[in-house]
Amino acid sequence: MDKPKHHIFVCASFRAQGAPQGMCHKKESLNLIPYLESELADRGMSDVAVSATACLNLCEKGPVLVVYPENFWYGEIDSEEKVDEILDALEEGEACEDHIIN
């Protein structure tokens, strides 16, 4: 695989002890990963990687997604519709202002 143009990180709430804690895991953030991968494939966005990550320490905003290299942080991403809005904006080279964490 070539180096991805974008990388989407999905908070999995894992802490140093290895156990999931916090809001993202409890709100089933990991269920977003298969949808993200499927939607990216459907859109032909093969230059975007998706990974689960350890706790991003924004539990009150969970589930949290981060898009790099743009450094867009998104909070309360708890539905496929919100993921679609983020991917729509990413395709346009923009941030999805409705879900950005300031």
N, C-alpha and C. Protein backbone atom coordinates (compact mmCIF):
# COMPACT_ATOMS: atom_id res chain seq x y z
N MET A 1 0.84 -1.19 0.00
CA MET A 1 0.00 0.00 0.00
C MET A 1 0.88 1.24 0.00
N ASP A 2 0.51 2.20 -0.82
CA ASP A 2 1.21 3.47 -0.82
C ASP A 2 0.86 4.25 0.45
N LYS A 3 1.68 5.21 0.75
CA LYS A 3 1.41 6.08 1.89
C LYS A 3 0.07 6.77 1.68
N PRO A 4 -0.85 6.69 2.67
CA PRO A 4 -2.17 7.28 2.49
C PRO A 4 -2.12 8.81 2.46
N LYS A 5 -3.05 9.39 1.71
CA LYS A 5 -3.18 10.84 1.66
C LYS A 5 -3.80 11.35 2.96
N HIS A 6 -4.72 10.56 3.51
CA HIS A 6 -5.40 10.90 4.77
C HIS A 6 -5.39 9.67 5.66
N HIS A 7 -5.46 9.91 6.96
CA HIS A 7 -5.56 8.82 7.93
C HIS A 7 -6.62 9.21 8.94
N ILE A 8 -7.62 8.36 9.09
CA ILE A 8 -8.70 8.60 10.05
C ILE A 8 -8.46 7.70 11.26
N PHE A 9 -8.35 8.31 12.41
CA PHE A 9 -8.17 7.58 13.66
C PHE A 9 -9.50 7.59 14.42
N VAL A 10 -9.91 6.42 14.89
CA VAL A 10 -11.15 6.27 15.65
C VAL A 10 -10.75 5.91 17.08
N CYS A 11 -11.16 6.72 18.04
CA CYS A 11 -10.83 6.46 19.43
C CYS A 11 -11.49 5.16 19.89
N ALA A 12 -10.67 4.27 20.46
CA ALA A 12 -11.18 3.00 20.98
C ALA A 12 -11.15 2.98 22.51
N SER A 13 -10.75 4.09 23.11
CA SER A 13 -10.76 4.27 24.57
C SER A 13 -9.80 3.37 25.33
N PHE A 14 -8.85 2.74 24.66
CA PHE A 14 -7.92 1.87 25.38
C PHE A 14 -6.92 2.72 26.15
N ARG A 15 -6.71 2.34 27.40
CA ARG A 15 -5.79 3.04 28.28
C ARG A 15 -4.54 2.19 28.49
N ALA A 16 -3.61 2.68 29.25
CA ALA A 16 -2.32 2.01 29.46
C ALA A 16 -2.48 0.58 29.97
N GLN A 17 -3.49 0.31 30.76
CA GLN A 17 -3.69 -1.03 31.29
C GLN A 17 -4.22 -1.99 30.22
N GLY A 18 -4.58 -1.47 29.06
CA GLY A 18 -5.06 -2.29 27.97
C GLY A 18 -6.56 -2.50 27.97
N ALA A 19 -7.24 -1.98 28.95
CA ALA A 19 -8.70 -2.15 29.04
C ALA A 19 -9.40 -0.94 28.46
N PRO A 20 -10.48 -1.17 27.70
CA PRO A 20 -11.22 -0.02 27.17
C PRO A 20 -11.97 0.69 28.29
N GLN A 21 -11.86 1.99 28.31
CA GLN A 21 -12.56 2.82 29.28
C GLN A 21 -13.02 4.07 28.56
N GLY A 22 -13.86 4.84 29.18
CA GLY A 22 -14.26 6.10 28.58
C GLY A 22 -15.47 5.97 27.67
N MET A 23 -15.88 7.07 27.12
CA MET A 23 -17.12 7.17 26.35
C MET A 23 -17.05 6.54 24.97
N CYS A 24 -15.96 6.68 24.28
CA CYS A 24 -15.92 6.22 22.89
C CYS A 24 -16.21 4.72 22.78
N HIS A 25 -15.56 3.94 23.61
CA HIS A 25 -15.80 2.50 23.60
C HIS A 25 -17.23 2.18 24.02
N LYS A 26 -17.70 2.84 25.06
CA LYS A 26 -19.06 2.60 25.55
C LYS A 26 -20.11 2.98 24.52
N LYS A 27 -19.79 3.95 23.69
CA LYS A 27 -20.71 4.37 22.62
C LYS A 27 -20.43 3.65 21.31
N GLU A 28 -19.70 2.54 21.41
CA GLU A 28 -19.46 1.63 20.29
C GLU A 28 -18.73 2.27 19.11
N SER A 29 -17.71 3.04 19.42
CA SER A 29 -16.93 3.71 18.37
C SER A 29 -16.31 2.71 17.39
N LEU A 30 -15.93 1.54 17.87
CA LEU A 30 -15.29 0.57 16.98
C LEU A 30 -16.24 0.07 15.90
N ASN A 31 -17.53 0.19 16.12
CA ASN A 31 -18.50 -0.19 15.09
C ASN A 31 -18.46 0.76 13.90
N LEU A 32 -17.86 1.93 14.08
CA LEU A 32 -17.74 2.89 12.97
C LEU A 32 -16.69 2.46 11.95
N ILE A 33 -15.71 1.67 12.39
CA ILE A 33 -14.60 1.31 11.50
C ILE A 33 -15.05 0.52 10.28
N PRO A 34 -15.84 -0.55 10.43
CA PRO A 34 -16.27 -1.26 9.22
C PRO A 34 -17.09 -0.38 8.28
N TYR A 35 -17.91 0.50 8.86
CA TYR A 35 -18.69 1.41 8.01
C TYR A 35 -17.76 2.36 7.27
N LEU A 36 -16.79 2.94 7.98
CA LEU A 36 -15.83 3.84 7.33
C LEU A 36 -15.12 3.14 6.18
N GLU A 37 -14.62 1.95 6.44
CA GLU A 37 -13.89 1.22 5.40
C GLU A 37 -14.77 0.91 4.20
N SER A 38 -16.00 0.51 4.46
CA SER A 38 -16.93 0.20 3.37
C SER A 38 -17.28 1.45 2.57
N GLU A 39 -17.55 2.52 3.27
CA GLU A 39 -17.93 3.77 2.60
C GLU A 39 -16.77 4.34 1.79
N LEU A 40 -15.57 4.26 2.35
CA LEU A 40 -14.39 4.73 1.61
C LEU A 40 -14.20 3.93 0.33
N ALA A 41 -14.39 2.62 0.41
CA ALA A 41 -14.27 1.77 -0.78
C ALA A 41 -15.34 2.12 -1.80
N ASP A 42 -16.58 2.33 -1.34
CA ASP A 42 -17.67 2.69 -2.25
C ASP A 42 -17.41 4.01 -2.95
N ARG A 43 -16.72 4.92 -2.27
CA ARG A 43 -16.44 6.25 -2.83
C ARG A 43 -15.15 6.25 -3.65
N GLY A 44 -14.45 5.13 -3.69
CA GLY A 44 -13.19 5.07 -4.42
C GLY A 44 -12.06 5.82 -3.74
N MET A 45 -12.18 6.01 -2.43
CA MET A 45 -11.17 6.76 -1.68
C MET A 45 -10.12 5.79 -1.12
N SER A 46 -9.37 5.18 -2.02
CA SER A 46 -8.39 4.18 -1.62
C SER A 46 -7.14 4.79 -0.98
N ASP A 47 -7.05 6.11 -0.98
CA ASP A 47 -5.89 6.79 -0.40
C ASP A 47 -6.14 7.23 1.04
N VAL A 48 -7.14 6.63 1.71
CA VAL A 48 -7.47 6.96 3.09
C VAL A 48 -7.34 5.69 3.94
N ALA A 49 -6.54 5.77 5.00
CA ALA A 49 -6.40 4.66 5.93
C ALA A 49 -7.28 4.92 7.16
N VAL A 50 -7.73 3.84 7.79
CA VAL A 50 -8.55 3.93 9.00
C VAL A 50 -7.90 3.06 10.07
N SER A 51 -7.75 3.61 11.27
CA SER A 51 -7.17 2.86 12.38
C SER A 51 -7.88 3.19 13.69
N ALA A 52 -7.95 2.19 14.56
CA ALA A 52 -8.39 2.43 15.93
C ALA A 52 -7.18 2.95 16.70
N THR A 53 -7.44 3.77 17.68
CA THR A 53 -6.35 4.33 18.47
C THR A 53 -6.67 4.23 19.95
N ALA A 54 -5.68 4.43 20.76
CA ALA A 54 -5.89 4.47 22.20
C ALA A 54 -6.69 5.72 22.56
N CYS A 55 -6.97 5.88 23.82
CA CYS A 55 -7.79 7.00 24.29
C CYS A 55 -7.21 8.34 23.83
N LEU A 56 -8.08 9.18 23.30
CA LEU A 56 -7.68 10.52 22.84
C LEU A 56 -7.96 11.59 23.88
N ASN A 57 -8.43 11.17 25.05
CA ASN A 57 -8.62 12.05 26.22
C ASN A 57 -9.64 13.17 26.00
N LEU A 58 -10.64 12.89 25.18
CA LEU A 58 -11.75 13.82 25.00
C LEU A 58 -13.06 13.07 25.23
N CYS A 59 -13.10 12.33 26.33
CA CYS A 59 -14.22 11.43 26.61
C CYS A 59 -15.57 12.13 26.56
N GLU A 60 -15.62 13.37 27.01
CA GLU A 60 -16.89 14.09 27.01
C GLU A 60 -17.40 14.40 25.61
N LYS A 61 -16.54 14.25 24.61
CA LYS A 61 -16.90 14.52 23.21
C LYS A 61 -17.06 13.24 22.40
N GLY A 62 -16.96 12.08 23.03
CA GLY A 62 -16.94 10.81 22.31
C GLY A 62 -18.25 10.43 21.67
N PRO A 63 -18.14 9.57 20.69
CA PRO A 63 -16.95 9.04 20.02
C PRO A 63 -16.20 10.12 19.23
N VAL A 64 -14.88 10.00 19.26
CA VAL A 64 -14.00 10.97 18.61
C VAL A 64 -13.30 10.35 17.42
N LEU A 65 -13.23 11.10 16.31
CA LEU A 65 -12.47 10.74 15.11
C LEU A 65 -11.49 11.86 14.83
N VAL A 66 -10.31 11.51 14.36
CA VAL A 66 -9.30 12.50 13.98
C VAL A 66 -8.85 12.20 12.56
N VAL A 67 -8.77 13.24 11.73
CA VAL A 67 -8.32 13.10 10.35
C VAL A 67 -6.97 13.81 10.21
N TYR A 68 -5.97 13.03 9.78
CA TYR A 68 -4.65 13.58 9.53
C TYR A 68 -4.33 13.45 8.06
N PRO A 69 -3.50 14.32 7.49
CA PRO A 69 -2.67 15.31 8.15
C PRO A 69 -3.37 16.64 8.44
N GLU A 70 -4.66 16.73 8.14
CA GLU A 70 -5.38 17.99 8.32
C GLU A 70 -5.54 18.39 9.78
N ASN A 71 -5.46 17.41 10.70
CA ASN A 71 -5.63 17.65 12.13
C ASN A 71 -7.04 18.12 12.45
N PHE A 72 -8.03 17.52 11.78
CA PHE A 72 -9.44 17.78 12.07
C PHE A 72 -9.87 16.81 13.16
N TRP A 73 -10.36 17.32 14.26
CA TRP A 73 -10.86 16.51 15.38
C TRP A 73 -12.38 16.64 15.41
N TYR A 74 -13.06 15.49 15.36
CA TYR A 74 -14.52 15.45 15.33
C TYR A 74 -15.05 14.75 16.57
N GLY A 75 -16.12 15.31 17.13
CA GLY A 75 -16.71 14.73 18.33
C GLY A 75 -18.16 14.35 18.17
N GLU A 76 -18.58 13.44 19.05
CA GLU A 76 -19.95 12.93 19.09
C GLU A 76 -20.35 12.29 17.76
N ILE A 77 -19.41 11.52 17.18
CA ILE A 77 -19.67 10.85 15.91
C ILE A 77 -20.27 9.47 16.22
N ASP A 78 -21.58 9.46 16.31
CA ASP A 78 -22.29 8.27 16.78
C ASP A 78 -23.29 7.72 15.77
N SER A 79 -23.10 8.09 14.50
CA SER A 79 -24.02 7.57 13.48
C SER A 79 -23.33 7.53 12.11
N GLU A 80 -23.87 6.70 11.25
CA GLU A 80 -23.36 6.62 9.89
C GLU A 80 -23.59 7.94 9.15
N GLU A 81 -24.66 8.62 9.46
CA GLU A 81 -24.95 9.90 8.81
C GLU A 81 -23.85 10.92 9.10
N LYS A 82 -23.37 10.96 10.34
CA LYS A 82 -22.30 11.89 10.69
C LYS A 82 -21.00 11.50 9.99
N VAL A 83 -20.72 10.21 9.90
CA VAL A 83 -19.54 9.75 9.16
C VAL A 83 -19.64 10.19 7.71
N ASP A 84 -20.83 10.04 7.11
CA ASP A 84 -21.03 10.46 5.72
C ASP A 84 -20.74 11.95 5.55
N GLU A 85 -21.19 12.77 6.48
CA GLU A 85 -20.95 14.21 6.40
C GLU A 85 -19.45 14.51 6.46
N ILE A 86 -18.73 13.80 7.32
CA ILE A 86 -17.28 14.00 7.42
C ILE A 86 -16.59 13.58 6.13
N LEU A 87 -16.98 12.45 5.58
CA LEU A 87 -16.37 11.99 4.33
C LEU A 87 -16.72 12.89 3.15
N ASP A 88 -17.94 13.42 3.13
CA ASP A 88 -18.32 14.38 2.09
C ASP A 88 -17.38 15.58 2.13
N ALA A 89 -17.15 16.11 3.33
CA ALA A 89 -16.27 17.27 3.48
C ALA A 89 -14.83 16.92 3.10
N LEU A 90 -14.38 15.73 3.51
CA LEU A 90 -13.02 15.30 3.19
C LEU A 90 -12.81 15.21 1.67
N GLU A 91 -13.83 14.72 0.97
CA GLU A 91 -13.74 14.65 -0.50
C GLU A 91 -13.59 16.04 -1.11
N GLU A 92 -14.18 17.04 -0.45
CA GLU A 92 -14.10 18.42 -0.94
C GLU A 92 -12.86 19.14 -0.43
N GLY A 93 -12.06 18.46 0.42
CA GLY A 93 -10.86 19.07 0.97
C GLY A 93 -11.15 20.06 2.09
N GLU A 94 -12.28 19.86 2.76
CA GLU A 94 -12.71 20.78 3.80
C GLU A 94 -12.96 20.04 5.10
N ALA A 95 -13.09 20.82 6.18
CA ALA A 95 -13.51 20.28 7.47
C ALA A 95 -15.03 20.24 7.50
N CYS A 96 -15.57 19.29 8.22
CA CYS A 96 -17.02 19.23 8.44
C CYS A 96 -17.30 20.04 9.70
N GLU A 97 -17.62 21.29 9.50
CA GLU A 97 -17.76 22.24 10.61
C GLU A 97 -18.82 21.83 11.63
N ASP A 98 -19.84 21.09 11.22
CA ASP A 98 -20.91 20.71 12.14
C ASP A 98 -20.44 19.80 13.27
N HIS A 99 -19.34 19.10 13.06
CA HIS A 99 -18.88 18.12 14.06
C HIS A 99 -17.47 18.36 14.55
N ILE A 100 -16.85 19.45 14.15
CA ILE A 100 -15.46 19.73 14.53
C ILE A 100 -15.40 20.09 16.02
N ILE A 101 -14.34 19.65 16.67
CA ILE A 101 -14.09 20.01 18.07
C ILE A 101 -13.17 21.22 18.05
N ASN A 102 -13.60 22.29 18.69
CA ASN A 102 -12.79 23.53 18.75
C ASN A 102 -11.92 23.56 19.97
